Amino acid sequence: DSIPRAAVTGFQARTERDSFYPMEVAATAAEVASLRASGRPLMVWPEDRIRPIRMTHTLPLLWVAAGAAPANGSAYRGEALRGEFFTFQIGAYAPQTSLALHVRWTELRGRRTGGVID
């Protein structure tokens, strides 16, 4: 009783929102190990609202392929319309120890005028 082996030929989703790609395509253990080899105690990836961070048990291949940014080198840039609530996310990974994040925010300032955005 041998079951024939199947090959995956593609993935499809009803809509882009239903798609697992790219944020739910998990990196392999070997790929994550290569990222750990960087020796960085904390790695951070800013993500746009259009790519929800859904996996909490492993890293997306997208992040692992991007590699570890230099310390304090993760930057995020986005645009919002007047009156729009702008959402973004931050994914954090600490491969060497457990992680407790304490987040602190500063004022958001406009690029052109330097004025505080309310």
Foldseek 3Di string as FASTA:
>chain_A
DDDDDDDDDDDDDPDLLRDCPQQNAFDDPVLVVVLVVVVDQKAKEKFAPSRDNDDDPGGTPVDSVVHGAPVVRHDDDDDDDVPDDGDIDMDMDGPPDDDDDDDDDDFDADPPPRDGDD
